[in-house]
């Protein structure tokens, strides 16, 4: 469930839709409109009680400063048409994916036992 830009909207209340830690491995939020508020991040962390949190869908990619201020995000995903849009100019995309805070597919591998490693 993704918060929307409308105070009082039921989407702000993640706990209303959360089935509980016994049923969830990862908590994710859809973030559009560059709405990377700390309150959304903090709500997911508190609700998950140590479970990973992720940006399930984003429009505008998070900035380096967002990832620094909110370091517990496990991953982010943007739709193909957003990554090549006015919301994500090439310079910003290159800078983000070059950041030491971001791992890309070429930087990880799986060993013969199926364990993941960072190169």
PDB file of N, CA and C in Angstrom:
ATOM      1  N   UNK A   1       0.848  -1.184   0.000  1.00  0.00           N
ATOM      2  CA  UNK A   1       0.000   0.000   0.000  1.00  0.00           C
ATOM      3  C   UNK A   1       0.885   1.235   0.000  1.00  0.00           C
ATOM      4  N   UNK A   2       0.568   2.180  -0.839  1.00  0.00           N
ATOM      5  CA  UNK A   2       1.404   3.369  -0.977  1.00  0.00           C
ATOM      6  C   UNK A   2       0.711   4.602  -0.443  1.00  0.00           C
ATOM      7  N   UNK A   3       1.402   5.370   0.369  1.00  0.00           N
ATOM      8  CA  UNK A   3       0.820   6.637   0.809  1.00  0.00           C
ATOM      9  C   UNK A   3       0.560   7.542  -0.382  1.00  0.00           C
ATOM     10  N   UNK A   4      -0.508   8.278  -0.309  1.00  0.00           N
ATOM     11  CA  UNK A   4      -0.815   9.251  -1.348  1.00  0.00           C
ATOM     12  C   UNK A   4      -0.655  10.635  -0.753  1.00  0.00           C
ATOM     13  N   UNK A   5      -0.684  11.626  -1.581  1.00  0.00           N
ATOM     14  CA  UNK A   5      -0.454  13.002  -1.140  1.00  0.00           C
ATOM     15  C   UNK A   5      -1.728  13.662  -0.650  1.00  0.00           C
ATOM     16  N   UNK A   6      -2.483  12.967   0.149  1.00  0.00           N
ATOM     17  CA  UNK A   6      -3.761  13.486   0.627  1.00  0.00           C
ATOM     18  C   UNK A   6      -3.860  13.204   2.128  1.00  0.00           C
ATOM     19  N   UNK A   7      -3.563  14.182   2.978  1.00  0.00           N
ATOM     20  CA  UNK A   7      -3.633  13.942   4.428  1.00  0.00           C
ATOM     21  C   UNK A   7      -4.982  13.360   4.830  1.00  0.00           C
ATOM     22  N   UNK A   8      -4.951  12.405   5.728  1.00  0.00           N
ATOM     23  CA  UNK A   8      -6.164  11.758   6.192  1.00  0.00           C
ATOM     24  C   UNK A   8      -6.576  10.576   5.333  1.00  0.00           C
ATOM     25  N   UNK A   9      -5.911  10.371   4.218  1.00  0.00           N
ATOM     26  CA  UNK A   9      -6.214   9.260   3.327  1.00  0.00           C
ATOM     27  C   UNK A   9      -5.883   7.956   4.043  1.00  0.00           C
ATOM     28  N   UNK A  10      -6.723   6.938   3.852  1.00  0.00           N
ATOM     29  CA  UNK A  10      -6.494   5.657   4.517  1.00  0.00           C
ATOM     30  C   UNK A  10      -5.180   5.014   4.100  1.00  0.00           C
ATOM     31  N   UNK A  11      -4.615   5.422   2.982  1.00  0.00           N
ATOM     32  CA  UNK A  11      -3.356   4.826   2.537  1.00  0.00           C
ATOM     33  C   UNK A  11      -2.203   5.167   3.468  1.00  0.00           C
ATOM     34  N   UNK A  12      -2.357   6.188   4.289  1.00  0.00           N
ATOM     35  CA  UNK A  12      -1.302   6.529   5.242  1.00  0.00           C
ATOM     36  C   UNK A  12      -1.192   5.499   6.357  1.00  0.00           C
ATOM     37  N   UNK A  13      -2.248   4.767   6.594  1.00  0.00           N
ATOM     38  CA  UNK A  13      -2.280   3.831   7.718  1.00  0.00           C
ATOM     39  C   UNK A  13      -1.875   2.436   7.250  1.00  0.00           C
ATOM     40  N   UNK A  14      -0.589   2.190   7.144  1.00  0.00           N
ATOM     41  CA  UNK A  14      -0.103   0.882   6.710  1.00  0.00           C
ATOM     42  C   UNK A  14      -0.658  -0.233   7.596  1.00  0.00           C
ATOM     43  N   UNK A  15      -0.749   0.038   8.881  1.00  0.00           N
ATOM     44  CA  UNK A  15      -1.165  -1.014   9.812  1.00  0.00           C
ATOM     45  C   UNK A  15      -2.581  -1.514   9.536  1.00  0.00           C
ATOM     46  N   UNK A  16      -3.412  -0.732   8.891  1.00  0.00           N
ATOM     47  CA  UNK A  16      -4.773  -1.184   8.567  1.00  0.00           C
ATOM     48  C   UNK A  16      -4.757  -2.352   7.596  1.00  0.00           C
ATOM     49  N   UNK A  17      -3.716  -2.432   6.787  1.00  0.00           N
ATOM     50  CA  UNK A  17      -3.644  -3.443   5.742  1.00  0.00           C
ATOM     51  C   UNK A  17      -2.609  -4.524   6.037  1.00  0.00           C
ATOM     52  N   UNK A  18      -1.912  -4.394   7.136  1.00  0.00           N
ATOM     53  CA  UNK A  18      -0.789  -5.281   7.433  1.00  0.00           C
ATOM     54  C   UNK A  18      -1.288  -6.552   8.111  1.00  0.00           C
ATOM     55  N   UNK A  19      -1.055  -7.731   7.507  1.00  0.00           N
ATOM     56  CA  UNK A  19      -1.563  -8.970   8.101  1.00  0.00           C
ATOM     57  C   UNK A  19      -0.749  -9.469   9.290  1.00  0.00           C
ATOM     58  N   UNK A  20       0.448  -8.921   9.507  1.00  0.00           N
ATOM     59  CA  UNK A  20       1.283  -9.316  10.638  1.00  0.00           C
ATOM     60  C   UNK A  20       2.585  -9.958  10.208  1.00  0.00           C
ATOM     61  N   UNK A  21       3.551  -9.927  11.104  1.00  0.00           N
ATOM     62  CA  UNK A  21       4.895 -10.415  10.806  1.00  0.00           C
ATOM     63  C   UNK A  21       4.946 -11.902  10.474  1.00  0.00           C
ATOM     64  N   UNK A  22       3.949 -12.677  10.924  1.00  0.00           N
ATOM     65  CA  UNK A  22       3.942 -14.102  10.605  1.00  0.00           C
ATOM     66  C   UNK A  22       3.657 -14.362   9.126  1.00  0.00           C
ATOM     67  N   UNK A  23       3.128 -13.382   8.429  1.00  0.00           N
ATOM     68  CA  UNK A  23       2.714 -13.559   7.039  1.00  0.00           C
ATOM     69  C   UNK A  23       3.535 -12.753   6.039  1.00  0.00           C
ATOM     70  N   UNK A  24       4.439 -11.929   6.524  1.00  0.00           N
ATOM     71  CA  UNK A  24       5.155 -10.998   5.653  1.00  0.00           C
ATOM     72  C   UNK A  24       6.663 -11.180   5.809  1.00  0.00           C
ATOM     73  N   UNK A  25       7.359 -11.250   4.683  1.00  0.00           N
ATOM     74  CA  UNK A  25       8.818 -11.324   4.707  1.00  0.00           C
ATOM     75  C   UNK A  25       9.457  -9.958   4.511  1.00  0.00           C
ATOM     76  N   UNK A  26       8.842  -9.127   3.669  1.00  0.00           N
ATOM     77  CA  UNK A  26       9.362  -7.804   3.330  1.00  0.00           C
ATOM     78  C   UNK A  26       8.189  -6.837   3.273  1.00  0.00           C
ATOM     79  N   UNK A  27       8.378  -5.638   3.817  1.00  0.00           N
ATOM     80  CA  UNK A  27       7.370  -4.583   3.704  1.00  0.00           C
ATOM     81  C   UNK A  27       7.809  -3.645   2.595  1.00  0.00           C
ATOM     82  N   UNK A  28       6.879  -3.249   1.733  1.00  0.00           N
ATOM     83  CA  UNK A  28       7.230  -2.359   0.625  1.00  0.00           C
ATOM     84  C   UNK A  28       6.194  -1.261   0.478  1.00  0.00           C
ATOM     85  N   UNK A  29       6.660  -0.131  -0.007  1.00  0.00           N
ATOM     86  CA  UNK A  29       5.784   1.006  -0.296  1.00  0.00           C
ATOM     87  C   UNK A  29       6.016   1.438  -1.731  1.00  0.00           C
ATOM     88  N   UNK A  30       4.950   1.869  -2.387  1.00  0.00           N
ATOM     89  CA  UNK A  30       5.057   2.486  -3.706  1.00  0.00           C
ATOM     90  C   UNK A  30       5.193   3.982  -3.483  1.00  0.00           C
ATOM     91  N   UNK A  31       6.217   4.576  -4.062  1.00  0.00           N
ATOM     92  CA  UNK A  31       6.505   5.994  -3.808  1.00  0.00           C
ATOM     93  C   UNK A  31       6.531   6.749  -5.131  1.00  0.00           C
ATOM     94  N   UNK A  32       5.572   7.634  -5.278  1.00  0.00           N
ATOM     95  CA  UNK A  32       5.486   8.468  -6.476  1.00  0.00           C
ATOM     96  C   UNK A  32       5.441   9.927  -6.061  1.00  0.00           C
ATOM     97  N   UNK A  33       5.675  10.810  -6.996  1.00  0.00           N
ATOM     98  CA  UNK A  33       5.654  12.240  -6.699  1.00  0.00           C
ATOM     99  C   UNK A  33       6.815  12.674  -5.825  1.00  0.00           C
ATOM    100  N   UNK A  34       7.917  11.899  -5.842  1.00  0.00           N
ATOM    101  CA  UNK A  34       9.101  12.221  -5.034  1.00  0.00           C
ATOM    102  C   UNK A  34       8.746  12.374  -3.559  1.00  0.00           C
ATOM    103  N   UNK A  35       7.822  11.544  -3.082  1.00  0.00           N
ATOM    104  CA  UNK A  35       7.284  11.638  -1.720  1.00  0.00           C
ATOM    105  C   UNK A  35       8.060  10.727  -0.762  1.00  0.00           C
ATOM    106  N   UNK A  36       9.343  11.017  -0.593  1.00  0.00           N
ATOM    107  CA  UNK A  36      10.220  10.198   0.250  1.00  0.00           C
ATOM    108  C   UNK A  36      10.245  10.710   1.687  1.00  0.00           C
ATOM    109  N   UNK A  37       9.083  10.954   2.248  1.00  0.00           N
ATOM    110  CA  UNK A  37       9.016  11.472   3.618  1.00  0.00           C
ATOM    111  C   UNK A  37       9.550  10.470   4.636  1.00  0.00           C
ATOM    112  N   UNK A  38      10.254  10.974   5.618  1.00  0.00           N
ATOM    113  CA  UNK A  38      10.787  10.125   6.688  1.00  0.00           C
ATOM    114  C   UNK A  38       9.661   9.422   7.434  1.00  0.00           C
ATOM    115  N   UNK A  39       8.495  10.029   7.525  1.00  0.00           N
ATOM    116  CA  UNK A  39       7.392   9.412   8.274  1.00  0.00           C
ATOM    117  C   UNK A  39       6.957   8.094   7.633  1.00  0.00           C
ATOM    118  N   UNK A  40       6.938   8.007   6.301  1.00  0.00           N
ATOM    119  CA  UNK A  40       6.580   6.748   5.635  1.00  0.00           C
ATOM    120  C   UNK A  40       7.629   5.681   5.941  1.00  0.00           C
ATOM    121  N   UNK A  41       8.876   6.064   5.833  1.00  0.00           N
ATOM    122  CA  UNK A  41      10.005   5.172   6.110  1.00  0.00           C
ATOM    123  C   UNK A  41       9.938   4.672   7.557  1.00  0.00           C
ATOM    124  N   UNK A  42       9.754   5.596   8.485  1.00  0.00           N
ATOM    125  CA  UNK A  42       9.705   5.242   9.908  1.00  0.00           C
ATOM    126  C   UNK A  42       8.524   4.331  10.230  1.00  0.00           C
ATOM    127  N   UNK A  43       7.372   4.567   9.585  1.00  0.00           N
ATOM    128  CA  UNK A  43       6.200   3.714   9.818  1.00  0.00           C
ATOM    129  C   UNK A  43       6.474   2.275   9.392  1.00  0.00           C
ATOM    130  N   UNK A  44       7.087   2.102   8.229  1.00  0.00           N
ATOM    131  CA  UNK A  44       7.384   0.745   7.765  1.00  0.00           C
ATOM    132  C   UNK A  44       8.385   0.048   8.675  1.00  0.00           C
ATOM    133  N   UNK A  45       9.412   0.768   9.091  1.00  0.00           N
ATOM    134  CA  UNK A  45      10.396   0.174  10.006  1.00  0.00           C
ATOM    135  C   UNK A  45       9.740  -0.271  11.306  1.00  0.00           C
ATOM    136  N   UNK A  46       8.911   0.585  11.867  1.00  0.00           N
ATOM    137  CA  UNK A  46       8.251   0.263  13.139  1.00  0.00           C
ATOM    138  C   UNK A  46       7.293  -0.915  12.974  1.00  0.00           C
ATOM    139  N   UNK A  47       6.537  -0.909  11.917  1.00  0.00           N
ATOM    140  CA  UNK A  47       5.550  -1.959  11.685  1.00  0.00           C
ATOM    141  C   UNK A  47       6.213  -3.308  11.453  1.00  0.00           C
ATOM    142  N   UNK A  48       7.316  -3.312  10.719  1.00  0.00           N
ATOM    143  CA  UNK A  48       7.989  -4.562  10.379  1.00  0.00           C
ATOM    144  C   UNK A  48       8.826  -5.153  11.488  1.00  0.00           C
ATOM    145  N   UNK A  49       9.166  -4.363  12.485  1.00  0.00           N
ATOM    146  CA  UNK A  49       9.928  -4.892  13.613  1.00  0.00           C
ATOM    147  C   UNK A  49      11.212  -5.598  13.212  1.00  0.00           C
ATOM    148  N   UNK A  50      11.988  -5.014  12.308  1.00  0.00           N
ATOM    149  CA  UNK A  50      13.262  -5.602  11.902  1.00  0.00           C
ATOM    150  C   UNK A  50      13.230  -6.298  10.555  1.00  0.00           C
ATOM    151  N   UNK A  51      12.055  -6.458   9.975  1.00  0.00           N
ATOM    152  CA  UNK A  51      11.970  -7.067   8.644  1.00  0.00           C
ATOM    153  C   UNK A  51      12.495  -6.078   7.601  1.00  0.00           C
ATOM    154  N   UNK A  52      12.983  -6.581   6.466  1.00  0.00           N
ATOM    155  CA  UNK A  52      13.450  -5.672   5.415  1.00  0.00           C
ATOM    156  C   UNK A  52      12.308  -4.807   4.885  1.00  0.00           C
ATOM    157  N   UNK A  53      12.656  -3.600   4.470  1.00  0.00           N
ATOM    158  CA  UNK A  53      11.688  -2.726   3.816  1.00  0.00           C
ATOM    159  C   UNK A  53      12.226  -2.378   2.433  1.00  0.00           C
ATOM    160  N   UNK A  54      11.316  -2.113   1.511  1.00  0.00           N
ATOM    161  CA  UNK A  54      11.716  -1.834   0.133  1.00  0.00           C
ATOM    162  C   UNK A  54      10.806  -0.787  -0.487  1.00  0.00           C
ATOM    163  N   UNK A  55      11.303  -0.189  -1.551  1.00  0.00           N
ATOM    164  CA  UNK A  55      10.493   0.698  -2.381  1.00  0.00           C
ATOM    165  C   UNK A  55       9.983  -0.176  -3.518  1.00  0.00           C
ATOM    166  N   UNK A  56       8.754  -0.664  -3.383  1.00  0.00           N
ATOM    167  CA  UNK A  56       8.197  -1.589  -4.357  1.00  0.00           C
ATOM    168  C   UNK A  56       8.112  -1.002  -5.748  1.00  0.00           C
ATOM    169  N   UNK A  57       7.690   0.234  -5.839  1.00  0.00           N
ATOM    170  CA  UNK A  57       7.641   0.966  -7.105  1.00  0.00           C
ATOM    171  C   UNK A  57       7.985   2.409  -6.806  1.00  0.00           C
ATOM    172  N   UNK A  58       8.767   3.017  -7.671  1.00  0.00           N
ATOM    173  CA  UNK A  58       9.026   4.456  -7.562  1.00  0.00           C
ATOM    174  C   UNK A  58       8.877   5.075  -8.942  1.00  0.00           C
ATOM    175  N   UNK A  59       8.515   6.347  -8.953  1.00  0.00           N
ATOM    176  CA  UNK A  59       8.501   7.110 -10.195  1.00  0.00           C
ATOM    177  C   UNK A  59       9.854   7.779 -10.333  1.00  0.00           C
ATOM    178  N   UNK A  60      10.027   8.873  -9.590  1.00  0.00           N
ATOM    179  CA  UNK A  60      11.327   9.535  -9.558  1.00  0.00           C
ATOM    180  C   UNK A  60      12.239   8.728  -8.647  1.00  0.00           C
ATOM    181  N   UNK A  61      13.416   8.388  -9.149  1.00  0.00           N
ATOM    182  CA  UNK A  61      14.363   7.596  -8.368  1.00  0.00           C
ATOM    183  C   UNK A  61      14.767   8.334  -7.097  1.00  0.00           C
ATOM    184  N   UNK A  62      15.082   7.590  -6.029  1.00  0.00           N
ATOM    185  CA  UNK A  62      15.557   8.258  -4.818  1.00  0.00           C
ATOM    186  C   UNK A  62      16.923   8.886  -5.065  1.00  0.00           C
ATOM    187  N   UNK A  63      17.197   9.945  -4.367  1.00  0.00           N
ATOM    188  CA  UNK A  63      18.506  10.595  -4.481  1.00  0.00           C
ATOM    189  C   UNK A  63      19.484   9.941  -3.516  1.00  0.00           C
ATOM    190  N   UNK A  64      20.750  10.234  -3.707  1.00  0.00           N
ATOM    191  CA  UNK A  64      21.783   9.776  -2.783  1.00  0.00           C
ATOM    192  C   UNK A  64      21.482  10.257  -1.363  1.00  0.00           C
ATOM    193  N   UNK A  65      21.004  11.493  -1.249  1.00  0.00           N
ATOM    194  CA  UNK A  65      20.719  12.039   0.087  1.00  0.00           C
ATOM    195  C   UNK A  65      19.555  11.302   0.746  1.00  0.00           C
ATOM    196  N   UNK A  66      18.571  10.862  -0.022  1.00  0.00           N
ATOM    197  CA  UNK A  66      17.473  10.065   0.545  1.00  0.00           C
ATOM    198  C   UNK A  66      18.019   8.740   1.048  1.00  0.00           C
ATOM    199  N   UNK A  67      18.842   8.079   0.253  1.00  0.00           N
ATOM    200  CA  UNK A  67      19.400   6.790   0.666  1.00  0.00           C
ATOM    201  C   UNK A  67      20.317   6.927   1.875  1.00  0.00           C
ATOM    202  N   UNK A  68      20.968   8.062   2.021  1.00  0.00           N
ATOM    203  CA  UNK A  68      21.802   8.312   3.202  1.00  0.00           C
ATOM    204  C   UNK A  68      20.927   8.540   4.430  1.00  0.00           C
ATOM    205  N   UNK A  69      19.877   9.332   4.272  1.00  0.00           N
ATOM    206  CA  UNK A  69      18.987   9.644   5.397  1.00  0.00           C
ATOM    207  C   UNK A  69      18.105   8.454   5.775  1.00  0.00           C
ATOM    208  N   UNK A  70      17.829   7.576   4.806  1.00  0.00           N
ATOM    209  CA  UNK A  70      16.949   6.427   5.029  1.00  0.00           C
ATOM    210  C   UNK A  70      17.683   5.152   4.582  1.00  0.00           C
ATOM    211  N   UNK A  71      18.691   4.732   5.333  1.00  0.00           N
ATOM    212  CA  UNK A  71      19.599   3.677   4.868  1.00  0.00           C
ATOM    213  C   UNK A  71      19.054   2.249   4.911  1.00  0.00           C
ATOM    214  N   UNK A  72      17.884   2.036   5.482  1.00  0.00           N
ATOM    215  CA  UNK A  72      17.385   0.664   5.628  1.00  0.00           C
ATOM    216  C   UNK A  72      16.570   0.167   4.430  1.00  0.00           C
ATOM    217  N   UNK A  73      16.376   1.008   3.406  1.00  0.00           N
ATOM    218  CA  UNK A  73      15.690   0.520   2.205  1.00  0.00           C
ATOM    219  C   UNK A  73      16.537  -0.595   1.598  1.00  0.00           C
ATOM    220  N   UNK A  74      15.938  -1.755   1.334  1.00  0.00           N
ATOM    221  CA  UNK A  74      16.671  -2.890   0.760  1.00  0.00           C
ATOM    222  C   UNK A  74      16.804  -2.795  -0.748  1.00  0.00           C
ATOM    223  N   UNK A  75      15.791  -2.284  -1.409  1.00  0.00           N
ATOM    224  CA  UNK A  75      15.857  -2.105  -2.856  1.00  0.00           C
ATOM    225  C   UNK A  75      14.817  -1.109  -3.310  1.00  0.00           C
ATOM    226  N   UNK A  76      14.967  -0.692  -4.556  1.00  0.00           N
ATOM    227  CA  UNK A  76      13.960   0.143  -5.206  1.00  0.00           C
ATOM    228  C   UNK A  76      13.796  -0.361  -6.631  1.00  0.00           C
ATOM    229  N   UNK A  77      12.629  -0.119  -7.197  1.00  0.00           N
ATOM    230  CA  UNK A  77      12.339  -0.536  -8.565  1.00  0.00           C
ATOM    231  C   UNK A  77      11.528   0.564  -9.224  1.00  0.00           C
ATOM    232  N   UNK A  78      11.926   0.930 -10.421  1.00  0.00           N
ATOM    233  CA  UNK A  78      11.139   1.888 -11.192  1.00  0.00           C
ATOM    234  C   UNK A  78      10.706   1.230 -12.490  1.00  0.00           C
ATOM    235  N   UNK A  79       9.593   1.675 -13.004  1.00  0.00           N
ATOM    236  CA  UNK A  79       9.099   1.164 -14.279  1.00  0.00           C
ATOM    237  C   UNK A  79       9.991   1.662 -15.412  1.00  0.00           C
ATOM    238  N   UNK A  80      10.120   0.872 -16.463  1.00  0.00           N
ATOM    239  CA  UNK A  80      10.979   1.218 -17.592  1.00  0.00           C
ATOM    240  C   UNK A  80      10.694   2.582 -18.186  1.00  0.00           C
ATOM    241  N   UNK A  81       9.426   2.933 -18.298  1.00  0.00           N
ATOM    242  CA  UNK A  81       9.111   4.231 -18.903  1.00  0.00           C
ATOM    243  C   UNK A  81       9.434   5.393 -17.975  1.00  0.00           C
ATOM    244  N   UNK A  82       9.579   5.142 -16.682  1.00  0.00           N
ATOM    245  CA  UNK A  82       9.975   6.211 -15.765  1.00  0.00           C
ATOM    246  C   UNK A  82      11.479   6.452 -15.798  1.00  0.00           C
ATOM    247  N   UNK A  83      12.261   5.400 -16.007  1.00  0.00           N
ATOM    248  CA  UNK A  83      13.711   5.572 -15.934  1.00  0.00           C
ATOM    249  C   UNK A  83      14.231   6.431 -17.085  1.00  0.00           C
ATOM    250  N   UNK A  84      13.473   6.504 -18.147  1.00  0.00           N
ATOM    251  CA  UNK A  84      13.872   7.308 -19.311  1.00  0.00           C
ATOM    252  C   UNK A  84      12.979   8.534 -19.465  1.00  0.00           C
ATOM    253  N   UNK A  85      12.464   9.042 -18.382  1.00  0.00           N
ATOM    254  CA  UNK A  85      11.521  10.158 -18.454  1.00  0.00           C
ATOM    255  C   UNK A  85      12.144  11.443 -17.927  1.00  0.00           C
ATOM    256  N   UNK A  86      11.386  12.516 -18.026  1.00  0.00           N
ATOM    257  CA  UNK A  86      11.845  13.807 -17.504  1.00  0.00           C
ATOM    258  C   UNK A  86      12.077  13.751 -15.994  1.00  0.00           C
ATOM    259  N   UNK A  87      11.460  12.779 -15.318  1.00  0.00           N
ATOM    260  CA  UNK A  87      11.618  12.647 -13.869  1.00  0.00           C
ATOM    261  C   UNK A  87      12.987  12.095 -13.478  1.00  0.00           C
ATOM    262  N   UNK A  88      13.616  11.409 -14.401  1.00  0.00           N
ATOM    263  CA  UNK A  88      14.909  10.768 -14.138  1.00  0.00           C
ATOM    264  C   UNK A  88      15.872  11.047 -15.290  1.00  0.00           C
ATOM    265  N   UNK A  89      16.439  12.258 -15.334  1.00  0.00           N
ATOM    266  CA  UNK A  89      17.371  12.571 -16.418  1.00  0.00           C
ATOM    267  C   UNK A  89      18.596  11.649 -16.377  1.00  0.00           C
ATOM    268  N   UNK A  90      19.211  11.389 -17.537  1.00  0.00           N
ATOM    269  CA  UNK A  90      20.348  10.459 -17.601  1.00  0.00           C
ATOM    270  C   UNK A  90      21.431  10.727 -16.560  1.00  0.00           C
ATOM    271  N   UNK A  91      21.775  11.975 -16.334  1.00  0.00           N
ATOM    272  CA  UNK A  91      22.826  12.297 -15.353  1.00  0.00           C
ATOM    273  C   UNK A  91      22.445  11.789 -13.961  1.00  0.00           C
ATOM    274  N   UNK A  92      21.183  11.969 -13.575  1.00  0.00           N
ATOM    275  CA  UNK A  92      20.722  11.510 -12.262  1.00  0.00           C
ATOM    276  C   UNK A  92      20.751   9.986 -12.176  1.00  0.00           C
ATOM    277  N   UNK A  93      20.320   9.307 -13.227  1.00  0.00           N
ATOM    278  CA  UNK A  93      20.305   7.842 -13.240  1.00  0.00           C
ATOM    279  C   UNK A  93      21.724   7.302 -13.109  1.00  0.00           C
ATOM    280  N   UNK A  94      22.640   7.844 -13.894  1.00  0.00           N
ATOM    281  CA  UNK A  94      24.038   7.394 -13.844  1.00  0.00           C
ATOM    282  C   UNK A  94      24.640   7.648 -12.467  1.00  0.00           C
ATOM    283  N   UNK A  95      24.379   8.823 -11.909  1.00  0.00           N
ATOM    284  CA  UNK A  95      24.911   9.155 -10.585  1.00  0.00           C
ATOM    285  C   UNK A  95      24.377   8.194  -9.528  1.00  0.00           C
ATOM    286  N   UNK A  96      23.084   7.910  -9.559  1.00  0.00           N
ATOM    287  CA  UNK A  96      22.491   7.020  -8.559  1.00  0.00           C
ATOM    288  C   UNK A  96      23.040   5.602  -8.674  1.00  0.00           C
ATOM    289  N   UNK A  97      23.056   5.059  -9.878  1.00  0.00           N
ATOM    290  CA  UNK A  97      23.511   3.679 -10.051  1.00  0.00           C
ATOM    291  C   UNK A  97      25.023   3.535  -9.875  1.00  0.00           C
ATOM    292  N   UNK A  98      25.753   4.636  -9.856  1.00  0.00           N
ATOM    293  CA  UNK A  98      27.190   4.622  -9.584  1.00  0.00           C
ATOM    294  C   UNK A  98      27.496   4.823  -8.104  1.00  0.00           C
ATOM    295  N   UNK A  99      26.492   5.130  -7.325  1.00  0.00           N
ATOM    296  CA  UNK A  99      26.664   5.396  -5.899  1.00  0.00           C
ATOM    297  C   UNK A  99      27.129   4.141  -5.157  1.00  0.00           C
ATOM    298  N   UNK A 100      27.993   4.301  -4.159  1.00  0.00           N
ATOM    299  CA  UNK A 100      28.396   3.143  -3.351  1.00  0.00           C
ATOM    300  C   UNK A 100      27.240   2.579  -2.523  1.00  0.00           C
ATOM    301  N   UNK A 101      26.145   3.311  -2.428  1.00  0.00           N
ATOM    302  CA  UNK A 101      24.977   2.837  -1.676  1.00  0.00           C
ATOM    303  C   UNK A 101      24.081   1.921  -2.508  1.00  0.00           C
ATOM    304  N   UNK A 102      24.363   1.798  -3.795  1.00  0.00           N
ATOM    305  CA  UNK A 102      23.510   1.036  -4.705  1.00  0.00           C
ATOM    306  C   UNK A 102      24.303  -0.124  -5.292  1.00  0.00           C
ATOM    307  N   UNK A 103      23.741  -1.326  -5.213  1.00  0.00           N
ATOM    308  CA  UNK A 103      24.326  -2.496  -5.859  1.00  0.00           C
ATOM    309  C   UNK A 103      23.548  -2.774  -7.135  1.00  0.00           C
ATOM    310  N   UNK A 104      24.266  -3.089  -8.199  1.00  0.00           N
ATOM    311  CA  UNK A 104      23.635  -3.470  -9.457  1.00  0.00           C
ATOM    312  C   UNK A 104      23.974  -4.931  -9.751  1.00  0.00           C
ATOM    313  N   UNK A 105      23.283  -5.525 -10.713  1.00  0.00           N
ATOM    314  CA  UNK A 105      23.411  -6.959 -10.984  1.00  0.00           C
ATOM    315  C   UNK A 105      24.850  -7.395 -11.242  1.00  0.00           C
ATOM    316  N   UNK A 106      25.655  -6.528 -11.836  1.00  0.00           N
ATOM    317  CA  UNK A 106      27.040  -6.898 -12.125  1.00  0.00           C
ATOM    318  C   UNK A 106      27.923  -6.912 -10.877  1.00  0.00           C
ATOM    319  N   UNK A 107      27.396  -6.469  -9.755  1.00  0.00           N
ATOM    320  CA  UNK A 107      28.186  -6.404  -8.521  1.00  0.00           C
ATOM    321  C   UNK A 107      27.860  -7.530  -7.540  1.00  0.00           C
ATOM    322  N   UNK A 108      26.959  -8.421  -7.902  1.00  0.00           N
ATOM    323  CA  UNK A 108      26.600  -9.539  -7.031  1.00  0.00           C
ATOM    324  C   UNK A 108      26.667 -10.843  -7.823  1.00  0.00           C
ATOM    325  N   UNK A 109      26.874 -11.935  -7.117  1.00  0.00           N
ATOM    326  CA  UNK A 109      26.865 -13.239  -7.769  1.00  0.00           C
ATOM    327  C   UNK A 109      26.399 -14.288  -6.768  1.00  0.00           C
ATOM    328  N   UNK A 110      26.013 -15.426  -7.288  1.00  0.00           N
ATOM    329  CA  UNK A 110      25.536 -16.536  -6.469  1.00  0.00           C
ATOM    330  C   UNK A 110      26.532 -17.684  -6.576  1.00  0.00           C
ATOM    331  N   UNK A 111      26.933 -18.247  -5.421  1.00  0.00           N
ATOM    332  CA  UNK A 111      27.881 -19.355  -5.453  1.00  0.00           C
ATOM    333  C   UNK A 111      27.149 -20.675  -5.721  1.00  0.00           C
ATOM    334  N   UNK A 112      27.898 -21.769  -5.778  1.00  0.00           N
ATOM    335  CA  UNK A 112      27.317 -23.076  -6.106  1.00  0.00           C
ATOM    336  C   UNK A 112      26.326 -23.564  -5.054  1.00  0.00           C
ATOM    337  N   UNK A 113      26.426 -23.035  -3.838  1.00  0.00           N
ATOM    338  CA  UNK A 113      25.484 -23.402  -2.784  1.00  0.00           C
ATOM    339  C   UNK A 113      24.245 -22.501  -2.788  1.00  0.00           C
ATOM    340  N   UNK A 114      24.193 -21.563  -3.710  1.00  0.00           N
ATOM    341  CA  UNK A 114      23.034 -20.682  -3.817  1.00  0.00           C
ATOM    342  C   UNK A 114      23.099 -19.440  -2.947  1.00  0.00           C
ATOM    343  N   UNK A 115      24.243 -19.182  -2.319  1.00  0.00           N
ATOM    344  CA  UNK A 115      24.391 -17.996  -1.464  1.00  0.00           C
ATOM    345  C   UNK A 115      24.813 -16.801  -2.306  1.00  0.00           C
ATOM    346  N   UNK A 116      24.284 -15.647  -1.960  1.00  0.00           N
ATOM    347  CA  UNK A 116      24.613 -14.416  -2.679  1.00  0.00           C
ATOM    348  C   UNK A 116      25.832 -13.746  -2.069  1.00  0.00           C
ATOM    349  N   UNK A 117      26.660 -13.138  -2.907  1.00  0.00           N
ATOM    350  CA  UNK A 117      27.861 -12.424  -2.479  1.00  0.00           C
ATOM    351  C   UNK A 117      27.990 -11.128  -3.269  1.00  0.00           C
ATOM    352  N   UNK A 118      28.666 -10.161  -2.671  1.00  0.00           N
ATOM    353  CA  UNK A 118      28.979  -8.911  -3.352  1.00  0.00           C
ATOM    354  C   UNK A 118      30.407  -9.010  -3.845  1.00  0.00           C
ATOM    355  N   UNK A 119      30.639  -8.628  -5.094  1.00  0.00           N
ATOM    356  CA  UNK A 119      31.995  -8.688  -5.674  1.00  0.00           C
ATOM    357  C   UNK A 119      32.887  -7.668  -5.026  1.00  0.00           C
TER     358      UNK A 119
END
